[in-house]
Amino acid sequence: MDPSKINDVRDAARELIEQQMAERLAVIEKLVRSQDDEEDLQARLAQVQAERTRDWAEAERLGWTPKELKRLGLRRPSRTTASGRSARSTAKEPQPRTEPPTPQVDDPQPQYTSRPLSIENYT
């Protein structure tokens, strides 16, 4: 093969690899930005949810009933925050200990001997 043709193919291959690498790096940059945006929004949502919970409690303290607030088109704040934790308590409730269920075996597996396999075992 002609050396100049080899160089042309090598250059074309290098250009293709560089283009693919540029695309891969560009998508990583987009992914990092979107992840940062998501984290910022989750933090802001948690802040707004906490403020709303405090405001709802303040409205009730001032005499508004949940029924009246609902009639005004307001929804009771959810009990979980953006992080998924309970808004009222972050402590874990103790879970009762349970034993794992024992498997039901209708047809037990055959017991194999530990002797080595050899041709005598098949006769």
PDB file of N, CA and C in Angstrom:
ATOM      1  N   MET A   1       0.845  -1.170   0.000  1.00  0.00           N
ATOM      2  CA  MET A   1       0.000   0.000   0.000  1.00  0.00           C
ATOM      3  C   MET A   1       0.891   1.234   0.000  1.00  0.00           C
ATOM      4  N   ASP A   2       0.432   2.231  -0.677  1.00  0.00           N
ATOM      5  CA  ASP A   2       1.155   3.490  -0.819  1.00  0.00           C
ATOM      6  C   ASP A   2       1.241   4.188   0.543  1.00  0.00           C
ATOM      7  N   PRO A   3       2.443   4.640   0.958  1.00  0.00           N
ATOM      8  CA  PRO A   3       2.587   5.306   2.255  1.00  0.00           C
ATOM      9  C   PRO A   3       1.690   6.539   2.406  1.00  0.00           C
ATOM     10  N   SER A   4       1.450   7.273   1.342  1.00  0.00           N
ATOM     11  CA  SER A   4       0.590   8.456   1.461  1.00  0.00           C
ATOM     12  C   SER A   4      -0.862   8.039   1.723  1.00  0.00           C
ATOM     13  N   LYS A   5      -1.263   6.899   1.158  1.00  0.00           N
ATOM     14  CA  LYS A   5      -2.620   6.406   1.401  1.00  0.00           C
ATOM     15  C   LYS A   5      -2.766   5.965   2.861  1.00  0.00           C
ATOM     16  N   ILE A   6      -1.723   5.351   3.392  1.00  0.00           N
ATOM     17  CA  ILE A   6      -1.730   4.949   4.806  1.00  0.00           C
ATOM     18  C   ILE A   6      -1.885   6.181   5.688  1.00  0.00           C
ATOM     19  N   ASN A   7      -1.135   7.240   5.361  1.00  0.00           N
ATOM     20  CA  ASN A   7      -1.229   8.472   6.140  1.00  0.00           C
ATOM     21  C   ASN A   7      -2.617   9.101   6.038  1.00  0.00           C
ATOM     22  N   ASP A   8      -3.224   9.041   4.838  1.00  0.00           N
ATOM     23  CA  ASP A   8      -4.574   9.598   4.661  1.00  0.00           C
ATOM     24  C   ASP A   8      -5.597   8.836   5.506  1.00  0.00           C
ATOM     25  N   VAL A   9      -5.498   7.516   5.507  1.00  0.00           N
ATOM     26  CA  VAL A   9      -6.428   6.696   6.297  1.00  0.00           C
ATOM     27  C   VAL A   9      -6.194   6.935   7.784  1.00  0.00           C
ATOM     28  N   ARG A  10      -4.942   7.013   8.181  1.00  0.00           N
ATOM     29  CA  ARG A  10      -4.613   7.278   9.587  1.00  0.00           C
ATOM     30  C   ARG A  10      -5.177   8.632  10.016  1.00  0.00           C
ATOM     31  N   ASP A  11      -5.014   9.653   9.166  1.00  0.00           N
ATOM     32  CA  ASP A  11      -5.532  10.982   9.492  1.00  0.00           C
ATOM     33  C   ASP A  11      -7.059  10.975   9.590  1.00  0.00           C
ATOM     34  N   ALA A  12      -7.708  10.264   8.696  1.00  0.00           N
ATOM     35  CA  ALA A  12      -9.168  10.175   8.729  1.00  0.00           C
ATOM     36  C   ALA A  12      -9.621   9.453   9.998  1.00  0.00           C
ATOM     37  N   ALA A  13      -8.912   8.402  10.357  1.00  0.00           N
ATOM     38  CA  ALA A  13      -9.256   7.669  11.576  1.00  0.00           C
ATOM     39  C   ALA A  13      -9.049   8.545  12.804  1.00  0.00           C
ATOM     40  N   ARG A  14      -7.945   9.286  12.838  1.00  0.00           N
ATOM     41  CA  ARG A  14      -7.676  10.181  13.957  1.00  0.00           C
ATOM     42  C   ARG A  14      -8.759  11.249  14.080  1.00  0.00           C
ATOM     43  N   GLU A  15      -9.195  11.795  12.947  1.00  0.00           N
ATOM     44  CA  GLU A  15     -10.240  12.816  12.950  1.00  0.00           C
ATOM     45  C   GLU A  15     -11.553  12.234  13.482  1.00  0.00           C
ATOM     46  N   LEU A  16     -11.867  11.014  13.065  1.00  0.00           N
ATOM     47  CA  LEU A  16     -13.081  10.361  13.549  1.00  0.00           C
ATOM     48  C   LEU A  16     -13.013  10.125  15.055  1.00  0.00           C
ATOM     49  N   ILE A  17     -11.868   9.661  15.530  1.00  0.00           N
ATOM     50  CA  ILE A  17     -11.693   9.423  16.971  1.00  0.00           C
ATOM     51  C   ILE A  17     -11.799  10.732  17.746  1.00  0.00           C
ATOM     52  N   GLU A  18     -11.201  11.801  17.250  1.00  0.00           N
ATOM     53  CA  GLU A  18     -11.270  13.093  17.928  1.00  0.00           C
ATOM     54  C   GLU A  18     -12.707  13.629  17.950  1.00  0.00           C
ATOM     55  N   GLN A  19     -13.450  13.417  16.864  1.00  0.00           N
ATOM     56  CA  GLN A  19     -14.847  13.852  16.817  1.00  0.00           C
ATOM     57  C   GLN A  19     -15.672  13.077  17.845  1.00  0.00           C
ATOM     58  N   GLN A  20     -15.465  11.768  17.913  1.00  0.00           N
ATOM     59  CA  GLN A  20     -16.193  10.949  18.884  1.00  0.00           C
ATOM     60  C   GLN A  20     -15.840  11.365  20.309  1.00  0.00           C
ATOM     61  N   MET A  21     -14.570  11.643  20.555  1.00  0.00           N
ATOM     62  CA  MET A  21     -14.137  12.058  21.886  1.00  0.00           C
ATOM     63  C   MET A  21     -14.754  13.406  22.255  1.00  0.00           C
ATOM     64  N   ALA A  22     -14.808  14.319  21.302  1.00  0.00           N
ATOM     65  CA  ALA A  22     -15.413  15.634  21.555  1.00  0.00           C
ATOM     66  C   ALA A  22     -16.894  15.478  21.900  1.00  0.00           C
ATOM     67  N   GLU A  23     -17.601  14.605  21.189  1.00  0.00           N
ATOM     68  CA  GLU A  23     -19.018  14.367  21.487  1.00  0.00           C
ATOM     69  C   GLU A  23     -19.181  13.762  22.874  1.00  0.00           C
ATOM     70  N   ARG A  24     -18.332  12.819  23.221  1.00  0.00           N
ATOM     71  CA  ARG A  24     -18.414  12.178  24.535  1.00  0.00           C
ATOM     72  C   ARG A  24     -18.142  13.182  25.654  1.00  0.00           C
ATOM     73  N   LEU A  25     -17.138  14.043  25.457  1.00  0.00           N
ATOM     74  CA  LEU A  25     -16.826  15.049  26.467  1.00  0.00           C
ATOM     75  C   LEU A  25     -17.953  16.076  26.587  1.00  0.00           C
ATOM     76  N   ALA A  26     -18.564  16.450  25.459  1.00  0.00           N
ATOM     77  CA  ALA A  26     -19.649  17.426  25.484  1.00  0.00           C
ATOM     78  C   ALA A  26     -20.840  16.898  26.276  1.00  0.00           C
ATOM     79  N   VAL A  27     -21.165  15.626  26.108  1.00  0.00           N
ATOM     80  CA  VAL A  27     -22.295  15.069  26.842  1.00  0.00           C
ATOM     81  C   VAL A  27     -21.974  14.974  28.336  1.00  0.00           C
ATOM     82  N   ILE A  28     -20.726  14.741  28.690  1.00  0.00           N
ATOM     83  CA  ILE A  28     -20.337  14.712  30.106  1.00  0.00           C
ATOM     84  C   ILE A  28     -20.496  16.101  30.709  1.00  0.00           C
ATOM     85  N   GLU A  29     -20.101  17.129  29.987  1.00  0.00           N
ATOM     86  CA  GLU A  29     -20.268  18.498  30.471  1.00  0.00           C
ATOM     87  C   GLU A  29     -21.743  18.809  30.706  1.00  0.00           C
ATOM     88  N   LYS A  30     -22.619  18.405  29.770  1.00  0.00           N
ATOM     89  CA  LYS A  30     -24.060  18.613  29.932  1.00  0.00           C
ATOM     90  C   LYS A  30     -24.581  17.857  31.140  1.00  0.00           C
ATOM     91  N   LEU A  31     -24.100  16.643  31.335  1.00  0.00           N
ATOM     92  CA  LEU A  31     -24.537  15.822  32.462  1.00  0.00           C
ATOM     93  C   LEU A  31     -24.143  16.457  33.796  1.00  0.00           C
ATOM     94  N   VAL A  32     -22.934  16.991  33.876  1.00  0.00           N
ATOM     95  CA  VAL A  32     -22.481  17.649  35.101  1.00  0.00           C
ATOM     96  C   VAL A  32     -23.348  18.878  35.385  1.00  0.00           C
ATOM     97  N   ARG A  33     -23.633  19.661  34.347  1.00  0.00           N
ATOM     98  CA  ARG A  33     -24.473  20.857  34.540  1.00  0.00           C
ATOM     99  C   ARG A  33     -25.875  20.473  35.002  1.00  0.00           C
ATOM    100  N   SER A  34     -26.470  19.460  34.368  1.00  0.00           N
ATOM    101  CA  SER A  34     -27.835  19.080  34.747  1.00  0.00           C
ATOM    102  C   SER A  34     -27.873  18.484  36.147  1.00  0.00           C
ATOM    103  N   GLN A  35     -26.823  17.766  36.530  1.00  0.00           N
ATOM    104  CA  GLN A  35     -26.758  17.231  37.894  1.00  0.00           C
ATOM    105  C   GLN A  35     -26.664  18.361  38.907  1.00  0.00           C
ATOM    106  N   ASP A  36     -25.843  19.345  38.622  1.00  0.00           N
ATOM    107  CA  ASP A  36     -25.736  20.508  39.510  1.00  0.00           C
ATOM    108  C   ASP A  36     -27.072  21.248  39.603  1.00  0.00           C
ATOM    109  N   ASP A  37     -27.745  21.422  38.458  1.00  0.00           N
ATOM    110  CA  ASP A  37     -29.054  22.083  38.460  1.00  0.00           C
ATOM    111  C   ASP A  37     -30.052  21.305  39.317  1.00  0.00           C
ATOM    112  N   GLU A  38     -30.053  19.986  39.169  1.00  0.00           N
ATOM    113  CA  GLU A  38     -30.969  19.153  39.948  1.00  0.00           C
ATOM    114  C   GLU A  38     -30.699  19.294  41.443  1.00  0.00           C
ATOM    115  N   GLU A  39     -29.438  19.264  41.841  1.00  0.00           N
ATOM    116  CA  GLU A  39     -29.095  19.406  43.252  1.00  0.00           C
ATOM    117  C   GLU A  39     -29.518  20.771  43.787  1.00  0.00           C
ATOM    118  N   ASP A  40     -29.322  21.820  42.987  1.00  0.00           N
ATOM    119  CA  ASP A  40     -29.744  23.162  43.396  1.00  0.00           C
ATOM    120  C   ASP A  40     -31.262  23.227  43.573  1.00  0.00           C
ATOM    121  N   LEU A  41     -31.988  22.640  42.628  1.00  0.00           N
ATOM    122  CA  LEU A  41     -33.449  22.653  42.711  1.00  0.00           C
ATOM    123  C   LEU A  41     -33.950  21.837  43.897  1.00  0.00           C
ATOM    124  N   GLN A  42     -33.318  20.701  44.177  1.00  0.00           N
ATOM    125  CA  GLN A  42     -33.729  19.904  45.330  1.00  0.00           C
ATOM    126  C   GLN A  42     -33.508  20.676  46.625  1.00  0.00           C
ATOM    127  N   ALA A  43     -32.392  21.376  46.723  1.00  0.00           N
ATOM    128  CA  ALA A  43     -32.122  22.175  47.917  1.00  0.00           C
ATOM    129  C   ALA A  43     -33.146  23.303  48.050  1.00  0.00           C
ATOM    130  N   ARG A  44     -33.459  23.950  46.950  1.00  0.00           N
ATOM    131  CA  ARG A  44     -34.456  25.035  46.977  1.00  0.00           C
ATOM    132  C   ARG A  44     -35.840  24.489  47.331  1.00  0.00           C
ATOM    133  N   LEU A  45     -36.197  23.321  46.770  1.00  0.00           N
ATOM    134  CA  LEU A  45     -37.490  22.711  47.071  1.00  0.00           C
ATOM    135  C   LEU A  45     -37.588  22.374  48.551  1.00  0.00           C
ATOM    136  N   ALA A  46     -36.539  21.830  49.125  1.00  0.00           N
ATOM    137  CA  ALA A  46     -36.542  21.511  50.553  1.00  0.00           C
ATOM    138  C   ALA A  46     -36.740  22.778  51.381  1.00  0.00           C
ATOM    139  N   GLN A  47     -36.112  23.853  50.964  1.00  0.00           N
ATOM    140  CA  GLN A  47     -36.247  25.128  51.672  1.00  0.00           C
ATOM    141  C   GLN A  47     -37.688  25.643  51.585  1.00  0.00           C
ATOM    142  N   VAL A  48     -38.280  25.597  50.398  1.00  0.00           N
ATOM    143  CA  VAL A  48     -39.650  26.069  50.209  1.00  0.00           C
ATOM    144  C   VAL A  48     -40.628  25.189  50.979  1.00  0.00           C
ATOM    145  N   GLN A  49     -40.408  23.872  50.963  1.00  0.00           N
ATOM    146  CA  GLN A  49     -41.291  22.976  51.707  1.00  0.00           C
ATOM    147  C   GLN A  49     -41.233  23.268  53.206  1.00  0.00           C
ATOM    148  N   ALA A  50     -40.059  23.536  53.722  1.00  0.00           N
ATOM    149  CA  ALA A  50     -39.924  23.858  55.145  1.00  0.00           C
ATOM    150  C   ALA A  50     -40.641  25.176  55.464  1.00  0.00           C
ATOM    151  N   GLU A  51     -40.485  26.168  54.601  1.00  0.00           N
ATOM    152  CA  GLU A  51     -41.169  27.451  54.805  1.00  0.00           C
ATOM    153  C   GLU A  51     -42.689  27.261  54.777  1.00  0.00           C
ATOM    154  N   ARG A  52     -43.163  26.476  53.833  1.00  0.00           N
ATOM    155  CA  ARG A  52     -44.603  26.237  53.699  1.00  0.00           C
ATOM    156  C   ARG A  52     -45.153  25.511  54.924  1.00  0.00           C
ATOM    157  N   THR A  53     -44.406  24.559  55.432  1.00  0.00           N
ATOM    158  CA  THR A  53     -44.833  23.840  56.635  1.00  0.00           C
ATOM    159  C   THR A  53     -44.924  24.796  57.816  1.00  0.00           C
ATOM    160  N   ARG A  54     -43.925  25.684  57.957  1.00  0.00           N
ATOM    161  CA  ARG A  54     -43.964  26.683  59.036  1.00  0.00           C
ATOM    162  C   ARG A  54     -45.148  27.632  58.856  1.00  0.00           C
ATOM    163  N   ASP A  55     -45.406  28.061  57.611  1.00  0.00           N
ATOM    164  CA  ASP A  55     -46.512  28.974  57.342  1.00  0.00           C
ATOM    165  C   ASP A  55     -47.855  28.307  57.644  1.00  0.00           C
ATOM    166  N   TRP A  56     -47.994  27.043  57.287  1.00  0.00           N
ATOM    167  CA  TRP A  56     -49.241  26.315  57.567  1.00  0.00           C
ATOM    168  C   TRP A  56     -49.460  26.231  59.088  1.00  0.00           C
ATOM    169  N   ALA A  57     -48.399  25.902  59.816  1.00  0.00           N
ATOM    170  CA  ALA A  57     -48.502  25.814  61.276  1.00  0.00           C
ATOM    171  C   ALA A  57     -48.857  27.176  61.861  1.00  0.00           C
ATOM    172  N   GLU A  58     -48.285  28.228  61.324  1.00  0.00           N
ATOM    173  CA  GLU A  58     -48.589  29.582  61.795  1.00  0.00           C
ATOM    174  C   GLU A  58     -50.053  29.927  61.528  1.00  0.00           C
ATOM    175  N   ALA A  59     -50.571  29.543  60.359  1.00  0.00           N
ATOM    176  CA  ALA A  59     -51.977  29.804  60.043  1.00  0.00           C
ATOM    177  C   ALA A  59     -52.883  29.078  61.031  1.00  0.00           C
ATOM    178  N   GLU A  60     -52.555  27.838  61.341  1.00  0.00           N
ATOM    179  CA  GLU A  60     -53.358  27.085  62.318  1.00  0.00           C
ATOM    180  C   GLU A  60     -53.251  27.708  63.703  1.00  0.00           C
ATOM    181  N   ARG A  61     -52.047  28.160  64.073  1.00  0.00           N
ATOM    182  CA  ARG A  61     -51.857  28.793  65.372  1.00  0.00           C
ATOM    183  C   ARG A  61     -52.704  30.063  65.494  1.00  0.00           C
ATOM    184  N   LEU A  62     -52.895  30.738  64.366  1.00  0.00           N
ATOM    185  CA  LEU A  62     -53.687  31.969  64.359  1.00  0.00           C
ATOM    186  C   LEU A  62     -55.186  31.700  64.205  1.00  0.00           C
ATOM    187  N   GLY A  63     -55.575  30.419  64.215  1.00  0.00           N
ATOM    188  CA  GLY A  63     -56.989  30.105  64.240  1.00  0.00           C
ATOM    189  C   GLY A  63     -57.591  29.527  62.975  1.00  0.00           C
ATOM    190  N   TRP A  64     -56.839  29.455  61.913  1.00  0.00           N
ATOM    191  CA  TRP A  64     -57.372  28.860  60.693  1.00  0.00           C
ATOM    192  C   TRP A  64     -57.441  27.353  60.878  1.00  0.00           C
ATOM    193  N   THR A  65     -58.530  26.740  60.410  1.00  0.00           N
ATOM    194  CA  THR A  65     -58.646  25.286  60.474  1.00  0.00           C
ATOM    195  C   THR A  65     -58.193  24.706  59.138  1.00  0.00           C
ATOM    196  N   PRO A  66     -57.751  23.453  59.146  1.00  0.00           N
ATOM    197  CA  PRO A  66     -57.376  22.827  57.872  1.00  0.00           C
ATOM    198  C   PRO A  66     -58.519  22.842  56.854  1.00  0.00           C
ATOM    199  N   LYS A  67     -59.753  22.692  57.340  1.00  0.00           N
ATOM    200  CA  LYS A  67     -60.916  22.715  56.449  1.00  0.00           C
ATOM    201  C   LYS A  67     -61.067  24.088  55.799  1.00  0.00           C
ATOM    202  N   GLU A  68     -60.880  25.155  56.568  1.00  0.00           N
ATOM    203  CA  GLU A  68     -60.983  26.513  56.022  1.00  0.00           C
ATOM    204  C   GLU A  68     -59.872  26.773  55.013  1.00  0.00           C
ATOM    205  N   LEU A  69     -58.678  26.344  55.341  1.00  0.00           N
ATOM    206  CA  LEU A  69     -57.550  26.547  54.429  1.00  0.00           C
ATOM    207  C   LEU A  69     -57.781  25.779  53.124  1.00  0.00           C
ATOM    208  N   LYS A  70     -58.323  24.576  53.237  1.00  0.00           N
ATOM    209  CA  LYS A  70     -58.615  23.781  52.047  1.00  0.00           C
ATOM    210  C   LYS A  70     -59.678  24.483  51.195  1.00  0.00           C
ATOM    211  N   ARG A  71     -60.695  25.046  51.849  1.00  0.00           N
ATOM    212  CA  ARG A  71     -61.743  25.765  51.135  1.00  0.00           C
ATOM    213  C   ARG A  71     -61.173  26.968  50.379  1.00  0.00           C
ATOM    214  N   LEU A  72     -60.090  27.525  50.881  1.00  0.00           N
ATOM    215  CA  LEU A  72     -59.428  28.654  50.212  1.00  0.00           C
ATOM    216  C   LEU A  72     -58.520  28.195  49.068  1.00  0.00           C
ATOM    217  N   GLY A  73     -58.452  26.885  48.857  1.00  0.00           N
ATOM    218  CA  GLY A  73     -57.637  26.363  47.760  1.00  0.00           C
ATOM    219  C   GLY A  73     -56.220  26.007  48.166  1.00  0.00           C
ATOM    220  N   LEU A  74     -55.964  25.974  49.458  1.00  0.00           N
ATOM    221  CA  LEU A  74     -54.623  25.653  49.945  1.00  0.00           C
ATOM    222  C   LEU A  74     -54.539  24.165  50.287  1.00  0.00           C
ATOM    223  N   ARG A  75     -53.411  23.583  50.016  1.00  0.00           N
ATOM    224  CA  ARG A  75     -53.179  22.177  50.332  1.00  0.00           C
ATOM    225  C   ARG A  75     -52.276  22.077  51.547  1.00  0.00           C
ATOM    226  N   ARG A  76     -52.572  21.100  52.373  1.00  0.00           N
ATOM    227  CA  ARG A  76     -51.726  20.836  53.537  1.00  0.00           C
ATOM    228  C   ARG A  76     -50.343  20.425  53.019  1.00  0.00           C
ATOM    229  N   PRO A  77     -49.278  20.946  53.600  1.00  0.00           N
ATOM    230  CA  PRO A  77     -47.940  20.553  53.162  1.00  0.00           C
ATOM    231  C   PRO A  77     -47.739  19.050  53.346  1.00  0.00           C
ATOM    232  N   SER A  78     -46.992  18.462  52.430  1.00  0.00           N
ATOM    233  CA  SER A  78     -46.719  17.034  52.558  1.00  0.00           C
ATOM    234  C   SER A  78     -45.818  16.806  53.756  1.00  0.00           C
ATOM    235  N   ARG A  79     -45.847  15.600  54.247  1.00  0.00           N
ATOM    236  CA  ARG A  79     -45.061  15.278  55.442  1.00  0.00           C
ATOM    237  C   ARG A  79     -43.632  14.886  55.118  1.00  0.00           C
ATOM    238  N   THR A  80     -43.300  14.844  53.833  1.00  0.00           N
ATOM    239  CA  THR A  80     -41.928  14.523  53.460  1.00  0.00           C
ATOM    240  C   THR A  80     -41.295  15.722  52.785  1.00  0.00           C
ATOM    241  N   THR A  81     -40.011  15.819  52.917  1.00  0.00           N
ATOM    242  CA  THR A  81     -39.257  16.909  52.306  1.00  0.00           C
ATOM    243  C   THR A  81     -38.701  16.444  50.972  1.00  0.00           C
ATOM    244  N   ALA A  82     -38.003  17.320  50.274  1.00  0.00           N
ATOM    245  CA  ALA A  82     -37.416  16.980  48.983  1.00  0.00           C
ATOM    246  C   ALA A  82     -36.423  15.836  49.108  1.00  0.00           C
ATOM    247  N   SER A  83     -35.820  15.702  50.276  1.00  0.00           N
ATOM    248  CA  SER A  83     -34.850  14.616  50.454  1.00  0.00           C
ATOM    249  C   SER A  83     -35.536  13.293  50.726  1.00  0.00           C
ATOM    250  N   GLY A  84     -36.885  13.321  50.901  1.00  0.00           N
ATOM    251  CA  GLY A  84     -37.617  12.097  51.152  1.00  0.00           C
ATOM    252  C   GLY A  84     -37.785  11.778  52.620  1.00  0.00           C
ATOM    253  N   ARG A  85     -37.193  12.590  53.498  1.00  0.00           N
ATOM    254  CA  ARG A  85     -37.329  12.357  54.934  1.00  0.00           C
ATOM    255  C   ARG A  85     -38.596  12.992  55.455  1.00  0.00           C
ATOM    256  N   SER A  86     -39.057  12.511  56.561  1.00  0.00           N
ATOM    257  CA  SER A  86     -40.264  13.049  57.179  1.00  0.00           C
ATOM    258  C   SER A  86     -40.005  14.483  57.630  1.00  0.00           C
ATOM    259  N   ALA A  87     -40.964  15.359  57.391  1.00  0.00           N
ATOM    260  CA  ALA A  87     -40.804  16.760  57.783  1.00  0.00           C
ATOM    261  C   ALA A  87     -40.918  16.924  59.288  1.00  0.00           C
ATOM    262  N   ARG A  88     -41.636  16.025  59.962  1.00  0.00           N
ATOM    263  CA  ARG A  88     -41.842  16.162  61.403  1.00  0.00           C
ATOM    264  C   ARG A  88     -40.758  15.492  62.212  1.00  0.00           C
ATOM    265  N   SER A  89     -40.222  14.414  61.725  1.00  0.00           N
ATOM    266  CA  SER A  89     -39.218  13.689  62.485  1.00  0.00           C
ATOM    267  C   SER A  89     -38.215  13.059  61.543  1.00  0.00           C
ATOM    268  N   THR A  90     -36.955  13.256  61.855  1.00  0.00           N
ATOM    269  CA  THR A  90     -35.925  12.638  61.038  1.00  0.00           C
ATOM    270  C   THR A  90     -35.388  11.379  61.680  1.00  0.00           C
ATOM    271  N   ALA A  91     -35.855  11.086  62.917  1.00  0.00           N
ATOM    272  CA  ALA A  91     -35.389   9.875  63.607  1.00  0.00           C
ATOM    273  C   ALA A  91     -36.097   8.667  63.024  1.00  0.00           C
ATOM    274  N   LYS A  92     -35.351   7.591  62.877  1.00  0.00           N
ATOM    275  CA  LYS A  92     -35.931   6.362  62.364  1.00  0.00           C
ATOM    276  C   LYS A  92     -36.739   5.688  63.456  1.00  0.00           C
ATOM    277  N   GLU A  93     -37.899   5.195  63.059  1.00  0.00           N
ATOM    278  CA  GLU A  93     -38.696   4.430  63.998  1.00  0.00           C
ATOM    279  C   GLU A  93     -38.128   3.019  64.056  1.00  0.00           C
ATOM    280  N   PRO A  94     -38.081   2.436  65.258  1.00  0.00           N
ATOM    281  CA  PRO A  94     -37.545   1.079  65.333  1.00  0.00           C
ATOM    282  C   PRO A  94     -38.454   0.110  64.600  1.00  0.00           C
ATOM    283  N   GLN A  95     -37.851  -0.763  63.837  1.00  0.00           N
ATOM    284  CA  GLN A  95     -38.577  -1.772  63.093  1.00  0.00           C
ATOM    285  C   GLN A  95     -38.554  -3.082  63.860  1.00  0.00           C
ATOM    286  N   PRO A  96     -39.684  -3.787  63.904  1.00  0.00           N
ATOM    287  CA  PRO A  96     -39.671  -5.074  64.601  1.00  0.00           C
ATOM    288  C   PRO A  96     -38.755  -6.051  63.872  1.00  0.00           C
ATOM    289  N   ARG A  97     -38.063  -6.848  64.650  1.00  0.00           N
ATOM    290  CA  ARG A  97     -37.158  -7.832  64.059  1.00  0.00           C
ATOM    291  C   ARG A  97     -37.978  -9.026  63.611  1.00  0.00           C
ATOM    292  N   THR A  98     -37.726  -9.441  62.416  1.00  0.00           N
ATOM    293  CA  THR A  98     -38.406 -10.617  61.906  1.00  0.00           C
ATOM    294  C   THR A  98     -37.369 -11.576  61.368  1.00  0.00           C
ATOM    295  N   GLU A  99     -37.654 -12.828  61.541  1.00  0.00           N
ATOM    296  CA  GLU A  99     -36.768 -13.853  61.008  1.00  0.00           C
ATOM    297  C   GLU A  99     -37.087 -14.047  59.531  1.00  0.00           C
ATOM    298  N   PRO A 100     -36.077 -14.327  58.720  1.00  0.00           N
ATOM    299  CA  PRO A 100     -36.358 -14.564  57.309  1.00  0.00           C
ATOM    300  C   PRO A 100     -37.198 -15.833  57.163  1.00  0.00           C
ATOM    301  N   PRO A 101     -38.108 -15.846  56.191  1.00  0.00           N
ATOM    302  CA  PRO A 101     -38.950 -17.023  56.037  1.00  0.00           C
ATOM    303  C   PRO A 101     -38.119 -18.240  55.639  1.00  0.00           C
ATOM    304  N   THR A 102     -38.508 -19.364  56.176  1.00  0.00           N
ATOM    305  CA  THR A 102     -37.805 -20.592  55.806  1.00  0.00           C
ATOM    306  C   THR A 102     -38.394 -21.093  54.511  1.00  0.00           C
ATOM    307  N   PRO A 103     -37.550 -21.480  53.568  1.00  0.00           N
ATOM    308  CA  PRO A 103     -38.063 -21.921  52.272  1.00  0.00           C
ATOM    309  C   PRO A 103     -38.809 -23.245  52.407  1.00  0.00           C
ATOM    310  N   GLN A 104     -39.876 -23.363  51.653  1.00  0.00           N
ATOM    311  CA  GLN A 104     -40.641 -24.605  51.620  1.00  0.00           C
ATOM    312  C   GLN A 104     -39.989 -25.519  50.587  1.00  0.00           C
ATOM    313  N   VAL A 105     -39.643 -26.714  51.018  1.00  0.00           N
ATOM    314  CA  VAL A 105     -38.989 -27.667  50.132  1.00  0.00           C
ATOM    315  C   VAL A 105     -39.905 -28.867  49.975  1.00  0.00           C
ATOM    316  N   ASP A 106     -40.463 -29.042  48.776  1.00  0.00           N
ATOM    317  CA  ASP A 106     -41.326 -30.174  48.508  1.00  0.00           C
ATOM    318  C   ASP A 106     -40.516 -31.396  48.082  1.00  0.00           C
ATOM    319  N   ASP A 107     -39.502 -31.157  47.264  1.00  0.00           N
ATOM    320  CA  ASP A 107     -38.687 -32.245  46.766  1.00  0.00           C
ATOM    321  C   ASP A 107     -37.237 -31.928  47.102  1.00  0.00           C
ATOM    322  N   PRO A 108     -36.698 -32.527  48.152  1.00  0.00           N
ATOM    323  CA  PRO A 108     -35.329 -32.171  48.535  1.00  0.00           C
ATOM    324  C   PRO A 108     -34.328 -32.545  47.441  1.00  0.00           C
ATOM    325  N   GLN A 109     -33.275 -31.756  47.382  1.00  0.00           N
ATOM    326  CA  GLN A 109     -32.211 -32.013  46.419  1.00  0.00           C
ATOM    327  C   GLN A 109     -31.480 -33.293  46.796  1.00  0.00           C
ATOM    328  N   PRO A 110     -31.067 -34.092  45.809  1.00  0.00           N
ATOM    329  CA  PRO A 110     -30.331 -35.317  46.147  1.00  0.00           C
ATOM    330  C   PRO A 110     -28.985 -34.975  46.773  1.00  0.00           C
ATOM    331  N   GLN A 111     -28.593 -35.775  47.707  1.00  0.00           N
ATOM    332  CA  GLN A 111     -27.308 -35.589  48.362  1.00  0.00           C
ATOM    333  C   GLN A 111     -26.230 -36.288  47.529  1.00  0.00           C
ATOM    334  N   TYR A 112     -25.183 -35.567  47.260  1.00  0.00           N
ATOM    335  CA  TYR A 112     -24.089 -36.115  46.470  1.00  0.00           C
ATOM    336  C   TYR A 112     -22.948 -36.503  47.388  1.00  0.00           C
ATOM    337  N   THR A 113     -22.294 -37.561  47.004  1.00  0.00           N
ATOM    338  CA  THR A 113     -21.138 -37.993  47.783  1.00  0.00           C
ATOM    339  C   THR A 113     -19.943 -37.155  47.397  1.00  0.00           C
ATOM    340  N   SER A 114     -18.978 -37.162  48.243  1.00  0.00           N
ATOM    341  CA  SER A 114     -17.799 -36.354  47.973  1.00  0.00           C
ATOM    342  C   SER A 114     -16.679 -37.159  47.332  1.00  0.00           C
ATOM    343  N   ARG A 115     -16.984 -38.353  46.852  1.00  0.00           N
ATOM    344  CA  ARG A 115     -15.917 -39.132  46.214  1.00  0.00           C
ATOM    345  C   ARG A 115     -15.622 -38.558  44.842  1.00  0.00           C
ATOM    346  N   PRO A 116     -14.404 -38.660  44.413  1.00  0.00           N
ATOM    347  CA  PRO A 116     -14.006 -38.085  43.130  1.00  0.00           C
ATOM    348  C   PRO A 116     -14.677 -38.829  41.973  1.00  0.00           C
ATOM    349  N   LEU A 117     -14.935 -38.082  40.924  1.00  0.00           N
ATOM    350  CA  LEU A 117     -15.527 -38.702  39.746  1.00  0.00           C
ATOM    351  C   LEU A 117     -14.475 -39.468  38.975  1.00  0.00           C
ATOM    352  N   SER A 118     -14.855 -40.649  38.583  1.00  0.00           N
ATOM    353  CA  SER A 118     -13.960 -41.453  37.750  1.00  0.00           C
ATOM    354  C   SER A 118     -14.831 -42.342  36.897  1.00  0.00           C
ATOM    355  N   ILE A 119     -14.234 -43.058  36.031  1.00  0.00           N
ATOM    356  CA  ILE A 119     -14.977 -43.940  35.132  1.00  0.00           C
ATOM    357  C   ILE A 119     -15.702 -45.022  35.897  1.00  0.00           C
ATOM    358  N   GLU A 120     -15.193 -45.442  37.058  1.00  0.00           N
ATOM    359  CA  GLU A 120     -15.844 -46.474  37.847  1.00  0.00           C
ATOM    360  C   GLU A 120     -17.202 -46.003  38.369  1.00  0.00           C
ATOM    361  N   ASN A 121     -17.360 -44.718  38.568  1.00  0.00           N
ATOM    362  CA  ASN A 121     -18.616 -44.196  39.086  1.00  0.00           C
ATOM    363  C   ASN A 121     -19.753 -44.308  38.078  1.00  0.00           C
ATOM    364  N   TYR A 122     -19.451 -44.529  36.813  1.00  0.00           N
ATOM    365  CA  TYR A 122     -20.462 -44.572  35.772  1.00  0.00           C
ATOM    366  C   TYR A 122     -20.793 -45.999  35.348  1.00  0.00           C
ATOM    367  N   THR A 123     -20.194 -47.007  35.960  1.00  0.00           N
ATOM    368  CA  THR A 123     -20.471 -48.387  35.549  1.00  0.00           C
ATOM    369  C   THR A 123     -21.454 -49.059  36.461  1.00  0.00           C
TER     370      THR A 123
END
